[in-house]
Amino acid sequence: MVSPDEPGADAWEAIADGWAEYMARGEGPGQSRKLLLDDAHWALLGDVSGVRVLDCGCGEGRFARQLAGRGASVTAFDLSERMIAHARQAEASDPLGIEYYLADMTDLSRFLAESFDAAVSYLSLIDVLDYEAATREIARVLRPGGQFLFSLVHPCFAPPGASWEPRRPGTIPIWDKDKLYKKIDNYFPARELRFKMWPTAPTETINYHRPLQDYARTCRSAGLLIRDITEPVPTEEVMAHRDNMREFLRAPYFMLIDCVKAQTAEQANT
């Protein structure tokens, strides 16, 4: 069930300890999750009390614990053994009833068909090479009418090589006033991206840029109907303390796609 051949699997194992630390502090790669993306996910998930939720690519378990804390019955999995170790350690210290598994998103055969009410992929589908197989598997384990919510780095505003043009040539623009406009190019084709999650990360991680039409077609072929798309922006309160996040008003960096598993005519009439 766990494929060691998934590109980037070793990298996630290597950065797991540092990743867990950043997530706990809400800094580095955890900053945008804490200040921007969490609320955007909750706006689409709504009340999860009593809902059977599958957290796909759960990492160290931060969002799985949020789900359980709001009353969901949570099952979570990740490809990284070290990430799952961090998640299980948190569960042992403060039990919330979360079941964690080591699993590959493209093979969820350990889970029965139609066994979950909802599934969440929090910035994790972008890390999977065979995202079509992953989407089919997630759809398979959802009940008819079940929700699949997944978040992405925005393909339109953060394609490979996108960057902010500085107002002063030769400088690196950090604050909003220093950013003239965002340069965007190379939307096609889909491709692999390699980068460091933080400057001192021990290795590069891999994710994938894909045009929006690829995700739309994949959802449709898996029997998932897109019912909402959100491009989250920071609140005024957040921007008052984090000026660097004002750029998300000018060019959104993330998007969330909310899907529902289609029912057959027979299912709809029962």
Protein backbone atom coordinates (compact mmCIF):
# COMPACT_ATOMS: atom_id res chain seq x y z
CA MET A 1 0.00 0.00 0.00
CA VAL A 2 2.96 2.31 0.46
CA SER A 3 4.96 2.98 -2.68
CA PRO A 4 8.64 3.81 -2.10
CA ASP A 5 8.76 4.79 -5.77
CA GLU A 6 6.65 7.93 -5.35
CA PRO A 7 8.93 10.81 -6.36
CA GLY A 8 9.70 12.93 -3.34
CA ALA A 9 8.81 10.28 -0.74
CA ASP A 10 12.35 10.27 0.66
CA ALA A 11 12.35 14.05 0.88
CA TRP A 12 9.24 14.13 3.07
CA GLU A 13 10.83 11.59 5.34
CA ALA A 14 13.95 13.76 5.58
CA ILE A 15 12.12 16.98 6.45
CA ALA A 16 9.49 15.44 8.75
CA ASP A 17 11.06 16.54 12.04
CA GLY A 18 11.62 20.12 10.91
CA TRP A 19 8.19 20.22 9.30
CA ALA A 20 6.48 19.11 12.51
CA GLU A 21 8.28 21.84 14.42
CA TYR A 22 7.25 24.56 11.97
CA MET A 23 3.65 23.36 11.98
CA ALA A 24 3.51 23.39 15.78
CA ARG A 25 4.78 26.98 15.87
CA GLY A 26 2.69 28.18 12.91
CA GLU A 27 5.81 29.60 11.30
CA GLY A 28 7.60 29.04 7.99
CA PRO A 29 5.38 26.79 5.86
CA GLY A 30 2.92 26.72 8.77
CA GLN A 31 2.23 30.46 8.67
CA SER A 32 -0.12 30.49 5.68
CA ARG A 33 -1.98 27.46 7.02
CA LYS A 34 -2.61 29.06 10.39
CA LEU A 35 -3.39 32.58 9.16
CA LEU A 36 -5.12 31.92 5.84
CA LEU A 37 -5.94 28.36 4.86
CA ASP A 38 -7.45 26.87 8.01
CA ASP A 39 -10.41 29.27 8.00
CA ALA A 40 -10.90 28.77 4.27
CA HIS A 41 -11.16 25.01 4.77
CA TRP A 42 -13.60 25.39 7.62
CA ALA A 43 -15.82 27.74 5.64
CA LEU A 44 -16.35 24.93 3.11
CA LEU A 45 -16.40 21.98 5.50
CA GLY A 46 -18.94 23.45 7.89
CA ASP A 47 -20.11 21.38 10.85
CA VAL A 48 -18.20 18.08 10.93
CA SER A 49 -19.64 16.76 14.18
CA GLY A 50 -20.25 13.03 13.72
CA VAL A 51 -18.91 13.08 10.15
CA ARG A 52 -16.59 10.25 9.05
CA VAL A 53 -13.62 12.12 7.53
CA LEU A 54 -10.57 10.80 5.71
CA ASP A 55 -7.54 13.12 5.90
CA CYS A 56 -5.48 12.31 2.80
CA GLY A 57 -1.78 13.11 3.17
CA CYS A 58 -2.16 14.20 6.79
CA GLY A 59 1.51 14.91 7.46
CA GLU A 60 2.19 15.30 11.18
CA GLY A 61 -1.56 15.39 11.88
CA ARG A 62 -2.20 19.07 12.59
CA PHE A 63 -5.44 19.38 10.59
CA ALA A 64 -6.60 15.87 11.51
CA ARG A 65 -6.52 17.00 15.13
CA GLN A 66 -8.56 20.08 14.25
CA LEU A 67 -11.15 17.86 12.57
CA ALA A 68 -11.34 15.54 15.56
CA GLY A 69 -11.49 18.50 17.92
CA ARG A 70 -14.65 19.65 16.12
CA GLY A 71 -16.30 16.29 16.56
CA ALA A 72 -15.42 14.42 13.39
CA SER A 73 -14.58 10.71 13.36
CA VAL A 74 -11.16 10.96 11.73
CA THR A 75 -9.05 8.47 9.82
CA ALA A 76 -5.81 9.86 8.45
CA PHE A 77 -2.89 8.60 6.42
CA ASP A 78 0.41 9.72 4.96
CA LEU A 79 3.18 8.27 2.81
CA SER A 80 5.91 9.28 5.28
CA GLU A 81 6.56 6.92 8.16
CA ARG A 82 8.22 9.69 10.14
CA MET A 83 5.25 12.03 9.67
CA ILE A 84 2.89 9.32 10.91
CA ALA A 85 5.17 8.78 13.92
CA HIS A 86 4.77 12.46 14.84
CA ALA A 87 1.00 12.22 14.38
CA ARG A 88 0.72 9.09 16.52
CA GLN A 89 2.87 10.66 19.21
CA ALA A 90 0.49 13.63 19.42
CA GLU A 91 -2.47 11.24 19.58
CA ALA A 92 -0.83 9.27 22.39
CA SER A 93 -0.21 12.48 24.37
CA ASP A 94 -3.72 13.85 23.84
CA PRO A 95 -6.09 11.14 22.53
CA LEU A 96 -8.79 12.33 20.13
CA GLY A 97 -9.67 8.95 18.66
CA ILE A 98 -7.82 9.48 15.36
CA GLU A 99 -6.68 6.40 13.46
CA TYR A 100 -3.44 6.93 11.55
CA TYR A 101 -2.15 4.73 8.74
CA LEU A 102 0.92 4.58 6.55
CA ALA A 103 -0.54 4.56 3.04
CA ASP A 104 -0.15 5.78 -0.53
CA MET A 105 -2.90 8.07 -1.82
CA THR A 106 -3.05 6.09 -5.06
CA ASP A 107 -3.89 2.83 -3.24
CA LEU A 108 -6.53 3.05 -0.52
CA SER A 109 -7.46 -0.63 -0.74
CA ARG A 110 -7.31 -0.92 3.06
CA PHE A 111 -10.50 1.22 3.15
CA LEU A 112 -13.90 -0.06 2.04
CA ALA A 113 -15.82 1.61 -0.77
CA GLU A 114 -18.27 4.29 0.34
CA SER A 115 -16.97 4.19 3.93
CA PHE A 116 -16.44 7.95 4.46
CA ASP A 117 -18.74 10.96 4.46
CA ALA A 118 -15.98 13.41 3.54
CA ALA A 119 -12.34 13.52 2.49
CA VAL A 120 -9.82 16.34 2.77
CA SER A 121 -6.54 16.81 0.91
CA TYR A 122 -4.88 19.83 2.51
CA LEU A 123 -2.16 20.89 0.03
CA SER A 124 -1.26 17.23 -0.50
CA LEU A 125 -2.73 16.23 -3.89
CA ILE A 126 -0.18 18.56 -5.46
CA ASP A 127 2.56 16.26 -4.11
CA VAL A 128 1.25 13.14 -5.87
CA LEU A 129 2.54 12.21 -9.32
CA ASP A 130 -0.42 9.98 -10.25
CA TYR A 131 -3.06 12.38 -8.98
CA GLU A 132 -5.68 10.85 -11.29
CA ALA A 133 -5.36 7.48 -9.52
CA ALA A 134 -5.41 9.24 -6.14
CA THR A 135 -8.60 11.12 -7.05
CA ARG A 136 -10.29 7.91 -8.22
CA GLU A 137 -9.37 6.15 -4.99
CA ILE A 138 -10.66 9.01 -2.86
CA ALA A 139 -13.91 9.04 -4.83
CA ARG A 140 -14.24 5.27 -4.37
CA VAL A 141 -14.12 5.44 -0.58
CA LEU A 142 -16.64 8.32 -0.41
CA ARG A 143 -20.33 7.60 -0.02
CA PRO A 144 -22.61 9.02 -2.76
CA GLY A 145 -23.16 12.67 -1.94
CA GLY A 146 -19.93 12.74 0.10
CA GLN A 147 -17.64 15.77 0.06
CA PHE A 148 -14.09 15.94 -1.26
CA LEU A 149 -12.29 19.19 -0.43
CA PHE A 150 -8.79 19.73 -1.72
CA SER A 151 -6.49 22.74 -1.68
CA LEU A 152 -3.78 23.69 -4.15
CA VAL A 153 -1.07 26.20 -4.79
CA HIS A 154 -2.95 28.37 -7.30
CA PRO A 155 -2.00 27.17 -10.80
CA CYS A 156 -2.89 30.50 -12.43
CA PHE A 157 -0.96 32.82 -10.12
CA ALA A 158 1.92 30.62 -9.00
CA PRO A 159 3.09 28.71 -12.08
CA PRO A 160 6.78 27.82 -12.41
CA GLY A 161 8.98 30.91 -12.31
CA ALA A 162 6.32 33.35 -11.09
CA SER A 163 7.85 36.18 -9.08
CA TRP A 164 7.26 39.73 -7.90
CA GLU A 165 8.93 42.51 -9.85
CA PRO A 166 10.59 44.89 -7.35
CA ARG A 167 9.95 48.62 -7.46
CA ARG A 168 13.68 49.09 -7.01
CA PRO A 169 15.61 47.00 -9.54
CA GLY A 170 18.07 44.57 -8.00
CA THR A 171 16.27 44.28 -4.66
CA ILE A 172 14.19 41.43 -3.22
CA PRO A 173 10.67 42.76 -2.49
CA ILE A 174 9.45 41.65 0.93
CA TRP A 175 6.86 44.28 1.89
CA ASP A 176 3.82 45.07 -0.20
CA LYS A 177 5.02 48.57 -1.03
CA ASP A 178 8.15 47.10 -2.58
CA LYS A 179 6.23 44.87 -5.04
CA LEU A 180 5.45 46.43 -8.41
CA TYR A 181 3.60 43.55 -10.10
CA LYS A 182 3.73 39.78 -10.31
CA LYS A 183 5.34 38.21 -13.35
CA ILE A 184 3.42 35.14 -14.50
CA ASP A 185 4.41 32.82 -17.34
CA ASN A 186 4.78 29.10 -18.15
CA TYR A 187 1.21 28.08 -17.33
CA PHE A 188 1.42 25.17 -19.75
CA PRO A 189 2.42 22.35 -19.63
CA ALA A 190 2.00 20.44 -16.37
CA ARG A 191 5.38 19.79 -14.79
CA GLU A 192 7.36 18.82 -11.72
CA LEU A 193 8.64 21.48 -9.34
CA ARG A 194 11.54 21.05 -6.91
CA PHE A 195 12.17 23.49 -4.08
CA LYS A 196 13.14 23.77 -0.41
CA MET A 197 10.25 24.18 2.02
CA TRP A 198 12.40 26.54 4.07
CA PRO A 199 15.90 27.88 3.35
CA THR A 200 17.74 25.44 5.60
CA ALA A 201 15.62 22.37 4.83
CA PRO A 202 17.85 19.29 4.44
CA THR A 203 16.62 18.52 0.93
CA GLU A 204 14.31 19.64 -1.85
CA THR A 205 10.72 18.47 -1.98
CA ILE A 206 8.67 17.80 -5.10
CA ASN A 207 5.22 18.90 -6.09
CA TYR A 208 3.44 19.39 -9.39
CA HIS A 209 2.09 22.35 -11.29
CA ARG A 210 -1.00 21.41 -13.30
CA PRO A 211 -3.40 23.59 -15.29
CA LEU A 212 -6.86 23.92 -13.79
CA GLN A 213 -8.45 22.00 -16.66
CA ASP A 214 -6.47 18.91 -15.62
CA TYR A 215 -8.02 18.93 -12.16
CA ALA A 216 -11.50 19.61 -13.56
CA ARG A 217 -11.27 16.70 -16.00
CA THR A 218 -9.87 14.37 -13.34
CA CYS A 219 -12.69 15.19 -10.92
CA ARG A 220 -15.30 14.67 -13.61
CA SER A 221 -13.89 11.31 -14.68
CA ALA A 222 -13.88 10.17 -11.03
CA GLY A 223 -17.54 11.09 -10.61
CA LEU A 224 -16.84 14.19 -8.52
CA LEU A 225 -18.83 17.35 -9.25
CA ILE A 226 -17.18 20.68 -8.49
CA ARG A 227 -19.64 22.83 -6.56
CA ASP A 228 -17.44 25.65 -5.27
CA ILE A 229 -14.01 27.22 -5.70
CA THR A 230 -12.47 29.53 -3.12
CA GLU A 231 -9.38 31.75 -3.41
CA PRO A 232 -8.65 32.71 0.20
CA VAL A 233 -7.45 36.17 1.18
CA PRO A 234 -6.12 37.31 4.56
CA THR A 235 -8.21 39.39 6.93
CA GLU A 236 -7.39 43.01 7.66
CA GLU A 237 -6.33 41.93 11.14
CA VAL A 238 -3.80 39.46 9.71
CA MET A 239 -2.45 41.99 7.22
CA ALA A 240 -2.01 44.58 9.95
CA HIS A 241 0.61 42.29 11.51
CA ARG A 242 1.81 40.45 8.37
CA ASP A 243 2.22 43.04 5.62
CA ASN A 244 3.91 40.43 3.39
CA MET A 245 0.54 38.64 3.14
CA ARG A 246 -1.07 41.60 1.35
CA GLU A 247 0.23 40.13 -1.89
CA PHE A 248 -2.54 37.51 -1.67
CA LEU A 249 -5.08 40.28 -2.39
CA ARG A 250 -3.23 41.14 -5.59
CA ALA A 251 -2.52 37.62 -6.80
CA PRO A 252 -4.02 34.73 -4.81
CA TYR A 253 -1.52 32.03 -3.99
CA PHE A 254 -3.91 29.25 -2.97
CA MET A 255 -7.24 27.86 -4.06
CA LEU A 256 -9.68 25.32 -2.65
CA ILE A 257 -11.91 23.10 -4.77
CA ASP A 258 -15.02 21.68 -3.13
CA CYS A 259 -16.52 18.58 -4.76
CA VAL A 260 -19.39 16.22 -4.11
CA LYS A 261 -19.53 12.59 -5.23
CA ALA A 262 -22.27 12.24 -7.80
CA GLN A 263 -25.20 9.94 -7.14
CA THR A 264 -26.60 7.66 -9.77
CA ALA A 265 -30.24 8.12 -10.72
CA GLU A 266 -31.05 4.92 -8.82
CA GLN A 267 -29.28 6.16 -5.68
CA ALA A 268 -30.97 9.54 -5.88
CA ASN A 269 -34.41 7.89 -5.96
CA THR A 270 -33.86 5.60 -2.96
